Amino acid sequence: MRQVHVKSKLAAVLLPFHYNNDGTMSVSLIRRTPGGAHGGQLAFPGGKYEHTDSSLLETALRESEEEVGLHHSALSHVHSLNPIHTIHTGYIIHPFAGLLRTKPKHWQIQTSEVEEVLTVCLDELLDNHDSHYVNNPQFDTVGHFPCFRVAGHPLWGASYRMIRPLLAAYRRQELIFDAAFGGSD
């Protein structure tokens, strides 16, 4: 088990999934605005835990509403996933998978943090699974990191590590959200 640094910071993100008309499933991501430690990178809506948040789920929901206008009432189910430890920034990120009742027609983007929202079908991610690698230009890290390509941008790092096990389950047809979340509304 990996040792967590005493000064680790808490964060939470939401992986917003929805079913497509053909029965496949998609997930929405954000591309961060330029600047900062994660500028320009693909990620899931979310951010730092605030002392006013009653839980990490509240953090993920609050940040999702702030960043893309996704209100918690748009979710039919939410499920906690295993935390991800970041290598360079010292965060413990608590991801939550959420099933959207329907995909929003228009995202209300907080332009100071989010450049755009991208939605990708999980089948498309499976088609390019582990076929791409990216260098980490921000931290002078030697080596290549696995990634998926989404609209020409690499999905890598903590976000890659969050979605990868869900894709493996989806491939095995085990990721059936209605069953995973205790039925549909």
Protein backbone atom coordinates (compact mmCIF):
# COMPACT_ATOMS: atom_id res chain seq x y z
CA MET A 1 0.00 0.00 0.00
CA ARG A 2 1.29 3.45 -0.93
CA GLN A 3 2.22 5.76 1.95
CA VAL A 4 0.23 8.98 1.94
CA HIS A 5 2.23 12.10 2.71
CA VAL A 6 1.10 13.83 5.90
CA LYS A 7 0.45 17.04 3.98
CA SER A 8 -1.88 15.38 1.46
CA LYS A 9 -4.78 17.56 0.41
CA LEU A 10 -8.32 16.32 -0.14
CA ALA A 11 -10.29 16.80 -3.33
CA ALA A 12 -13.35 15.23 -4.94
CA VAL A 13 -14.57 14.89 -8.51
CA LEU A 14 -17.71 13.74 -10.28
CA LEU A 15 -17.61 11.39 -13.27
CA PRO A 16 -20.95 12.24 -14.95
CA PHE A 17 -22.18 9.27 -17.02
CA HIS A 18 -25.27 9.00 -19.18
CA TYR A 19 -26.86 6.39 -21.41
CA ASN A 20 -27.03 7.11 -25.13
CA ASN A 21 -30.09 6.31 -27.25
CA ASP A 22 -28.32 3.22 -28.64
CA GLY A 23 -27.76 1.77 -25.15
CA THR A 24 -24.07 2.66 -24.97
CA MET A 25 -22.75 4.88 -22.21
CA SER A 26 -20.84 8.17 -22.33
CA VAL A 27 -18.97 10.26 -19.78
CA SER A 28 -18.40 14.02 -19.77
CA LEU A 29 -15.05 15.63 -19.04
CA ILE A 30 -13.79 19.16 -18.79
CA ARG A 31 -10.71 20.70 -20.36
CA ARG A 32 -9.20 23.10 -17.87
CA THR A 33 -8.29 26.65 -18.89
CA PRO A 34 -4.58 27.34 -19.45
CA GLY A 35 -2.41 28.04 -16.41
CA GLY A 36 -1.95 26.37 -13.06
CA ALA A 37 -0.70 22.88 -12.29
CA HIS A 38 -3.37 21.24 -14.48
CA GLY A 39 -3.91 23.96 -17.08
CA GLY A 40 -5.22 22.69 -20.40
CA GLN A 41 -5.62 19.14 -19.14
CA LEU A 42 -8.67 16.93 -19.34
CA ALA A 43 -10.27 16.18 -16.01
CA PHE A 44 -13.59 15.52 -14.34
CA PRO A 45 -15.51 18.36 -12.69
CA GLY A 46 -14.37 18.78 -9.12
CA GLY A 47 -11.90 20.43 -6.82
CA LYS A 48 -10.54 20.98 -3.34
CA TYR A 49 -12.42 20.03 -0.21
CA GLU A 50 -13.55 23.17 1.65
CA HIS A 51 -14.04 23.21 5.42
CA THR A 52 -17.66 24.26 4.80
CA ASP A 53 -18.35 21.04 2.82
CA SER A 54 -20.14 18.45 4.95
CA SER A 55 -18.62 15.59 2.95
CA LEU A 56 -16.41 14.81 -0.03
CA LEU A 57 -19.55 14.04 -2.02
CA GLU A 58 -20.72 17.58 -1.27
CA THR A 59 -17.34 18.82 -2.55
CA ALA A 60 -17.78 16.95 -5.84
CA LEU A 61 -21.36 18.15 -6.27
CA ARG A 62 -20.56 21.77 -5.31
CA GLU A 63 -17.61 21.93 -7.69
CA SER A 64 -19.58 20.29 -10.52
CA GLU A 65 -22.31 22.88 -10.17
CA GLU A 66 -19.77 25.72 -10.03
CA GLU A 67 -17.70 24.51 -12.99
CA VAL A 68 -20.32 23.22 -15.44
CA GLY A 69 -23.71 24.10 -13.93
CA LEU A 70 -24.56 20.49 -13.10
CA HIS A 71 -27.07 20.52 -10.25
CA HIS A 72 -27.27 17.42 -8.05
CA SER A 73 -30.92 16.97 -9.01
CA ALA A 74 -29.73 16.05 -12.54
CA LEU A 75 -28.26 12.82 -11.10
CA SER A 76 -30.35 9.74 -10.56
CA HIS A 77 -27.62 7.84 -8.71
CA VAL A 78 -24.14 8.53 -7.27
CA HIS A 79 -21.58 5.93 -6.27
CA SER A 80 -18.29 6.42 -4.43
CA LEU A 81 -15.17 5.03 -6.14
CA ASN A 82 -11.74 4.24 -4.70
CA PRO A 83 -9.61 7.32 -3.87
CA ILE A 84 -6.72 8.19 -6.17
CA HIS A 85 -3.42 9.54 -4.83
CA THR A 86 -1.71 12.07 -7.08
CA ILE A 87 1.99 11.62 -7.56
CA HIS A 88 3.17 15.22 -7.88
CA THR A 89 0.55 17.52 -6.39
CA GLY A 90 -0.09 15.72 -3.09
CA TYR A 91 -3.85 15.28 -3.44
CA ILE A 92 -6.05 12.40 -2.41
CA ILE A 93 -8.90 12.63 -4.89
CA HIS A 94 -12.21 11.00 -4.02
CA PRO A 95 -14.08 10.25 -7.25
CA PHE A 96 -17.83 9.74 -7.47
CA ALA A 97 -19.55 8.16 -10.48
CA GLY A 98 -22.89 9.77 -11.15
CA LEU A 99 -25.60 8.68 -13.54
CA LEU A 100 -27.30 11.64 -15.21
CA ARG A 101 -31.02 11.47 -15.83
CA THR A 102 -30.27 13.05 -19.22
CA LYS A 103 -27.22 14.77 -20.65
CA PRO A 104 -27.58 18.56 -20.36
CA LYS A 105 -28.28 20.23 -23.70
CA HIS A 106 -26.10 23.17 -22.68
CA TRP A 107 -23.40 23.22 -20.03
CA GLN A 108 -23.07 26.40 -17.96
CA ILE A 109 -19.29 26.66 -18.06
CA GLN A 110 -17.35 28.67 -15.50
CA THR A 111 -14.98 30.21 -18.06
CA SER A 112 -12.31 31.13 -15.49
CA GLU A 113 -11.68 27.39 -14.85
CA VAL A 114 -13.17 25.42 -17.73
CA GLU A 115 -12.27 25.81 -21.40
CA GLU A 116 -14.82 23.28 -22.68
CA VAL A 117 -16.87 20.21 -21.84
CA LEU A 118 -16.23 17.08 -23.90
CA THR A 119 -18.45 14.03 -23.94
CA VAL A 120 -17.03 10.71 -25.08
CA CYS A 121 -18.65 7.32 -25.56
CA LEU A 122 -17.03 4.61 -23.43
CA ASP A 123 -16.86 2.41 -26.55
CA GLU A 124 -14.63 5.06 -28.16
CA LEU A 125 -12.30 4.98 -25.14
CA LEU A 126 -12.19 1.18 -25.35
CA ASP A 127 -11.22 1.45 -29.03
CA ASN A 128 -8.08 3.45 -28.18
CA HIS A 129 -7.44 1.81 -24.79
CA ASP A 130 -3.75 1.83 -23.87
CA SER A 131 -2.70 2.74 -27.40
CA HIS A 132 -1.33 6.19 -26.58
CA TYR A 133 1.28 7.59 -24.22
CA VAL A 134 2.10 11.12 -23.11
CA ASN A 135 5.10 12.73 -21.43
CA ASN A 136 4.50 14.84 -18.35
CA PRO A 137 5.78 18.28 -19.42
CA GLN A 138 4.77 20.07 -16.24
CA PHE A 139 6.82 18.14 -13.73
CA ASP A 140 9.92 17.21 -15.74
CA THR A 141 9.07 13.54 -15.31
CA VAL A 142 11.02 10.99 -17.28
CA GLY A 143 9.01 8.32 -19.04
CA HIS A 144 5.73 7.90 -20.79
CA PHE A 145 2.32 7.72 -19.16
CA PRO A 146 -0.63 5.84 -20.66
CA CYS A 147 -3.50 7.96 -21.87
CA PHE A 148 -6.64 7.99 -23.94
CA ARG A 149 -7.12 10.53 -26.71
CA VAL A 150 -10.34 12.54 -26.47
CA ALA A 151 -10.91 15.12 -29.20
CA GLY A 152 -7.14 15.23 -29.74
CA HIS A 153 -6.33 15.83 -26.06
CA PRO A 154 -4.70 13.27 -23.74
CA LEU A 155 -6.74 11.97 -20.81
CA TRP A 156 -4.01 10.81 -18.45
CA GLY A 157 -2.77 10.84 -14.87
CA ALA A 158 -5.31 10.68 -12.05
CA SER A 159 -8.27 11.00 -14.44
CA TYR A 160 -6.97 8.08 -16.50
CA ARG A 161 -6.54 6.02 -13.33
CA MET A 162 -10.15 6.81 -12.33
CA ILE A 163 -11.78 5.81 -15.61
CA ARG A 164 -9.61 2.82 -16.56
CA PRO A 165 -11.07 0.28 -14.08
CA LEU A 166 -14.59 1.40 -14.98
CA LEU A 167 -13.84 0.77 -18.65
CA ALA A 168 -12.58 -2.72 -17.86
CA ALA A 169 -15.85 -3.46 -16.06
CA TYR A 170 -17.86 -1.87 -18.90
CA ARG A 171 -16.02 -4.09 -21.41
CA ARG A 172 -17.06 -7.14 -19.38
CA GLN A 173 -20.61 -5.71 -19.31
CA GLU A 174 -20.38 -5.50 -15.52
CA LEU A 175 -20.80 -1.73 -15.36
CA ILE A 176 -24.57 -1.61 -15.62
CA PHE A 177 -25.39 1.54 -13.71
CA ASP A 178 -29.00 0.72 -13.00
CA ALA A 179 -27.91 -2.45 -11.21
CA ALA A 180 -24.81 -0.88 -9.65
CA PHE A 181 -26.84 1.94 -8.17
CA GLY A 182 -29.75 -0.14 -6.95
CA GLY A 183 -32.24 0.28 -9.77
CA SER A 184 -33.53 3.17 -11.80
CA ASP A 185 -36.07 5.85 -10.92
